[in-house]
């Protein structure tokens, strides 16, 4: 009888301990943004690259450190080579 009671109390203690440890973990803040990704030809004499001359609007989620650049109108560089410069512009926060 005492063994069952001790086992139940021990299990309850373990569950409470596990729950308190999990509840202390913070999930990263995430936001959904409408962004425009575009490519601009920067080099003369480059072969026409259809992906570089593109202009795409997306809805993307950004979490944690990725949110540091998320401000309306902010433009960031996604990469650049000899012929193409790719950028992302933050348009609006999606509620």
N, C-alpha and C. Protein backbone atom coordinates (compact mmCIF):
# COMPACT_ATOMS: atom_id res chain seq x y z
N UNK A 1 0.82 -1.19 0.00
CA UNK A 1 0.00 0.00 0.00
C UNK A 1 0.87 1.26 0.00
N UNK A 2 1.89 1.27 0.88
CA UNK A 2 2.77 2.44 0.94
C UNK A 2 3.60 2.56 -0.33
N UNK A 3 3.96 1.44 -0.92
CA UNK A 3 4.77 1.47 -2.14
C UNK A 3 3.99 2.11 -3.29
N UNK A 4 2.70 1.81 -3.38
CA UNK A 4 1.88 2.40 -4.43
C UNK A 4 1.76 3.91 -4.21
N UNK A 5 1.54 4.32 -2.97
CA UNK A 5 1.42 5.75 -2.66
C UNK A 5 2.74 6.46 -2.96
N UNK A 6 3.85 5.88 -2.58
CA UNK A 6 5.16 6.49 -2.83
C UNK A 6 5.42 6.57 -4.33
N UNK A 7 5.04 5.54 -5.07
CA UNK A 7 5.22 5.53 -6.52
C UNK A 7 4.39 6.63 -7.17
N UNK A 8 3.13 6.78 -6.74
CA UNK A 8 2.26 7.81 -7.30
C UNK A 8 2.80 9.21 -7.00
N UNK A 9 3.25 9.44 -5.81
CA UNK A 9 3.80 10.75 -5.43
C UNK A 9 5.08 11.01 -6.22
N UNK A 10 5.91 10.00 -6.39
CA UNK A 10 7.15 10.14 -7.15
C UNK A 10 6.85 10.48 -8.61
N UNK A 11 5.88 9.79 -9.19
CA UNK A 11 5.50 10.05 -10.58
C UNK A 11 4.94 11.47 -10.73
N UNK A 12 4.13 11.90 -9.78
CA UNK A 12 3.59 13.25 -9.81
C UNK A 12 4.72 14.28 -9.73
N UNK A 13 5.67 14.05 -8.86
CA UNK A 13 6.82 14.95 -8.72
C UNK A 13 7.63 15.02 -10.02
N UNK A 14 7.86 13.87 -10.63
CA UNK A 14 8.62 13.83 -11.90
C UNK A 14 7.86 14.58 -12.99
N UNK A 15 6.55 14.39 -13.09
CA UNK A 15 5.76 15.10 -14.09
C UNK A 15 5.77 16.61 -13.87
N UNK A 16 5.62 17.03 -12.61
CA UNK A 16 5.68 18.46 -12.30
C UNK A 16 7.05 19.05 -12.62
N UNK A 17 8.08 18.33 -12.32
CA UNK A 17 9.44 18.78 -12.62
C UNK A 17 9.65 18.90 -14.12
N UNK A 18 9.20 17.92 -14.86
CA UNK A 18 9.33 17.95 -16.33
C UNK A 18 8.52 19.10 -16.91
N UNK A 19 7.31 19.31 -16.43
CA UNK A 19 6.47 20.39 -16.93
C UNK A 19 7.09 21.76 -16.63
N UNK A 20 7.63 21.93 -15.43
CA UNK A 20 8.21 23.22 -15.09
C UNK A 20 9.46 23.50 -15.93
N UNK A 21 10.21 22.46 -16.27
CA UNK A 21 11.39 22.65 -17.12
C UNK A 21 10.97 23.05 -18.54
N UNK A 22 9.92 22.43 -19.05
CA UNK A 22 9.46 22.75 -20.41
C UNK A 22 8.84 24.13 -20.48
N UNK A 23 8.13 24.53 -19.46
CA UNK A 23 7.47 25.82 -19.50
C UNK A 23 8.47 26.98 -19.44
N UNK A 24 9.68 26.74 -18.97
CA UNK A 24 10.70 27.78 -18.90
C UNK A 24 11.34 28.05 -20.25
N UNK A 25 11.22 27.10 -21.18
CA UNK A 25 11.78 27.29 -22.51
C UNK A 25 10.93 28.29 -23.26
N UNK A 26 11.59 29.29 -23.83
CA UNK A 26 10.85 30.30 -24.58
C UNK A 26 10.88 29.93 -26.05
N UNK A 27 9.72 29.95 -26.67
CA UNK A 27 9.65 29.76 -28.10
C UNK A 27 10.03 31.08 -28.75
N UNK A 28 10.78 31.03 -29.84
CA UNK A 28 11.17 32.27 -30.50
C UNK A 28 9.95 32.99 -31.07
N UNK A 29 9.98 34.31 -31.01
CA UNK A 29 8.90 35.12 -31.57
C UNK A 29 8.95 34.99 -33.09
N UNK A 30 7.80 34.77 -33.69
CA UNK A 30 7.72 34.64 -35.15
C UNK A 30 6.69 35.62 -35.68
N UNK A 31 6.95 36.13 -36.88
CA UNK A 31 6.03 37.03 -37.57
C UNK A 31 5.98 36.65 -39.04
N UNK A 32 4.82 36.85 -39.63
CA UNK A 32 4.65 36.60 -41.06
C UNK A 32 4.70 37.95 -41.78
N UNK A 33 5.54 38.03 -42.82
CA UNK A 33 5.73 39.27 -43.57
C UNK A 33 5.49 39.06 -45.06
N UNK A 34 4.97 40.09 -45.70
CA UNK A 34 4.93 40.13 -47.15
C UNK A 34 6.24 40.78 -47.59
N UNK A 35 6.98 40.10 -48.45
CA UNK A 35 8.27 40.61 -48.93
C UNK A 35 8.31 40.56 -50.45
N UNK A 36 9.16 41.40 -51.01
CA UNK A 36 9.39 41.39 -52.46
C UNK A 36 10.85 41.04 -52.67
N UNK A 37 11.11 39.94 -53.37
CA UNK A 37 12.46 39.53 -53.74
C UNK A 37 12.66 39.91 -55.20
N UNK A 38 13.77 40.59 -55.47
CA UNK A 38 14.04 40.96 -56.86
C UNK A 38 15.52 40.84 -57.17
N UNK A 39 15.77 40.63 -58.44
CA UNK A 39 17.13 40.56 -58.93
C UNK A 39 17.38 41.66 -59.94
N UNK A 40 18.56 42.26 -59.89
CA UNK A 40 18.92 43.35 -60.79
C UNK A 40 20.23 42.98 -61.47
N UNK A 41 20.26 43.06 -62.79
CA UNK A 41 21.50 42.82 -63.53
C UNK A 41 22.45 43.98 -63.26
N UNK A 42 23.67 43.65 -62.81
CA UNK A 42 24.63 44.70 -62.48
C UNK A 42 25.84 44.69 -63.39
N UNK A 43 26.11 43.60 -64.06
CA UNK A 43 27.30 43.51 -64.92
C UNK A 43 26.95 43.68 -66.38
N UNK A 44 27.79 44.37 -67.09
CA UNK A 44 27.58 44.51 -68.53
C UNK A 44 28.18 43.30 -69.22
N UNK A 45 27.53 42.85 -70.26
CA UNK A 45 28.02 41.69 -70.99
C UNK A 45 27.66 40.37 -70.35
N UNK A 46 26.81 40.40 -69.32
CA UNK A 46 26.38 39.15 -68.68
C UNK A 46 25.28 38.52 -69.50
N UNK A 47 25.26 37.20 -69.51
CA UNK A 47 24.20 36.48 -70.18
C UNK A 47 22.90 36.76 -69.44
N UNK A 48 21.84 36.96 -70.17
CA UNK A 48 20.55 37.26 -69.53
C UNK A 48 20.13 36.07 -68.67
N UNK A 49 19.90 36.36 -67.41
CA UNK A 49 19.50 35.35 -66.43
C UNK A 49 18.06 35.68 -66.01
N UNK A 50 17.11 34.85 -66.41
CA UNK A 50 15.71 35.14 -66.11
C UNK A 50 15.44 35.22 -64.62
N UNK A 51 16.15 34.47 -63.81
CA UNK A 51 15.92 34.53 -62.37
C UNK A 51 16.45 35.84 -61.79
N UNK A 52 17.41 36.45 -62.45
CA UNK A 52 17.96 37.69 -61.94
C UNK A 52 17.02 38.86 -62.21
N UNK A 53 16.38 38.89 -63.33
CA UNK A 53 15.48 39.99 -63.65
C UNK A 53 14.11 39.83 -63.05
N UNK A 54 13.96 38.92 -62.11
CA UNK A 54 12.64 38.60 -61.57
C UNK A 54 12.25 39.54 -60.43
N UNK A 55 10.96 39.56 -60.18
CA UNK A 55 10.37 40.39 -59.13
C UNK A 55 9.22 39.57 -58.54
N UNK A 56 9.42 38.98 -57.34
CA UNK A 56 8.43 38.08 -56.75
C UNK A 56 7.97 38.59 -55.40
N UNK A 57 6.67 38.53 -55.17
CA UNK A 57 6.10 38.86 -53.87
C UNK A 57 5.77 37.56 -53.15
N UNK A 58 6.20 37.46 -51.89
CA UNK A 58 5.99 36.25 -51.08
C UNK A 58 5.46 36.64 -49.71
N UNK A 59 4.87 35.66 -49.04
CA UNK A 59 4.57 35.78 -47.62
C UNK A 59 5.45 34.77 -46.92
N UNK A 60 6.36 35.27 -46.08
CA UNK A 60 7.32 34.41 -45.39
C UNK A 60 7.25 34.63 -43.89
N UNK A 61 7.56 33.59 -43.13
CA UNK A 61 7.64 33.70 -41.68
C UNK A 61 9.10 33.87 -41.27
N UNK A 62 9.32 34.78 -40.34
CA UNK A 62 10.64 35.03 -39.79
C UNK A 62 10.57 34.87 -38.29
N UNK A 63 11.58 34.21 -37.72
CA UNK A 63 11.59 33.94 -36.28
C UNK A 63 12.92 34.35 -35.68
N UNK A 64 12.87 34.70 -34.40
CA UNK A 64 14.09 34.99 -33.64
C UNK A 64 14.95 36.05 -34.27
N UNK A 65 16.23 35.74 -34.50
CA UNK A 65 17.20 36.69 -35.04
C UNK A 65 16.84 37.17 -36.44
N UNK A 66 16.11 36.38 -37.18
CA UNK A 66 15.73 36.78 -38.54
C UNK A 66 14.80 37.99 -38.54
N UNK A 67 14.19 38.29 -37.39
CA UNK A 67 13.29 39.44 -37.29
C UNK A 67 14.02 40.77 -37.18
N UNK A 68 15.32 40.75 -36.95
CA UNK A 68 16.04 42.01 -36.75
C UNK A 68 15.97 42.92 -37.97
N UNK A 69 15.82 42.37 -39.15
CA UNK A 69 15.74 43.17 -40.38
C UNK A 69 14.30 43.47 -40.79
N UNK A 70 13.33 42.89 -40.10
CA UNK A 70 11.93 43.00 -40.51
C UNK A 70 11.34 44.34 -40.08
N UNK A 71 11.41 45.30 -40.98
CA UNK A 71 10.81 46.62 -40.78
C UNK A 71 10.24 47.05 -42.13
N UNK A 72 9.08 47.68 -42.12
CA UNK A 72 8.45 48.11 -43.37
C UNK A 72 9.41 48.99 -44.16
N UNK A 73 9.61 48.63 -45.42
CA UNK A 73 10.47 49.39 -46.32
C UNK A 73 11.94 49.03 -46.25
N UNK A 74 12.33 48.20 -45.30
CA UNK A 74 13.74 47.81 -45.18
C UNK A 74 14.13 46.90 -46.33
N UNK A 75 15.27 47.18 -46.95
CA UNK A 75 15.77 46.37 -48.06
C UNK A 75 17.09 45.74 -47.63
N UNK A 76 17.19 44.42 -47.78
CA UNK A 76 18.41 43.71 -47.42
C UNK A 76 18.96 42.99 -48.66
N UNK A 77 20.23 42.72 -48.64
CA UNK A 77 20.88 42.01 -49.73
C UNK A 77 20.78 40.50 -49.49
N UNK A 78 20.36 39.78 -50.51
CA UNK A 78 20.31 38.32 -50.43
C UNK A 78 21.54 37.69 -51.06
N UNK A 79 22.28 38.47 -51.83
CA UNK A 79 23.48 37.95 -52.47
C UNK A 79 23.81 38.73 -53.73
N UNK A 80 25.06 38.62 -54.14
CA UNK A 80 25.51 39.33 -55.33
C UNK A 80 26.65 38.56 -55.96
N UNK A 81 26.61 38.51 -57.29
CA UNK A 81 27.74 37.95 -58.02
C UNK A 81 28.13 38.97 -59.10
N UNK A 82 28.93 38.57 -60.06
CA UNK A 82 29.41 39.50 -61.08
C UNK A 82 28.29 40.07 -61.94
N UNK A 83 27.19 39.36 -62.05
CA UNK A 83 26.12 39.77 -62.97
C UNK A 83 24.82 40.17 -62.28
N UNK A 84 24.56 39.67 -61.10
CA UNK A 84 23.23 39.82 -60.51
C UNK A 84 23.31 40.19 -59.02
N UNK A 85 22.47 41.13 -58.64
CA UNK A 85 22.34 41.50 -57.23
C UNK A 85 20.91 41.19 -56.82
N UNK A 86 20.73 40.37 -55.79
CA UNK A 86 19.40 39.98 -55.33
C UNK A 86 19.12 40.65 -53.98
N UNK A 87 17.92 41.23 -53.87
CA UNK A 87 17.53 41.93 -52.65
C UNK A 87 16.15 41.47 -52.20
N UNK A 88 15.86 41.75 -50.94
CA UNK A 88 14.53 41.50 -50.36
C UNK A 88 14.07 42.78 -49.69
N UNK A 89 12.84 43.20 -49.99
CA UNK A 89 12.25 44.37 -49.37
C UNK A 89 11.05 43.93 -48.53
N UNK A 90 11.01 44.39 -47.29
CA UNK A 90 9.89 44.08 -46.39
C UNK A 90 8.76 45.07 -46.69
N UNK A 91 7.60 44.52 -47.08
CA UNK A 91 6.47 45.37 -47.48
C UNK A 91 5.54 45.64 -46.31
N UNK A 92 5.04 44.56 -45.67
CA UNK A 92 4.11 44.76 -44.57
C UNK A 92 4.07 43.52 -43.69
N UNK A 93 3.72 43.73 -42.44
CA UNK A 93 3.51 42.65 -41.49
C UNK A 93 2.12 42.08 -41.74
N UNK A 94 2.02 40.77 -41.85
CA UNK A 94 0.73 40.10 -42.07
C UNK A 94 0.14 39.81 -40.69
N UNK A 95 -1.06 40.36 -40.41
CA UNK A 95 -1.66 40.11 -39.08
C UNK A 95 -2.11 38.67 -38.90
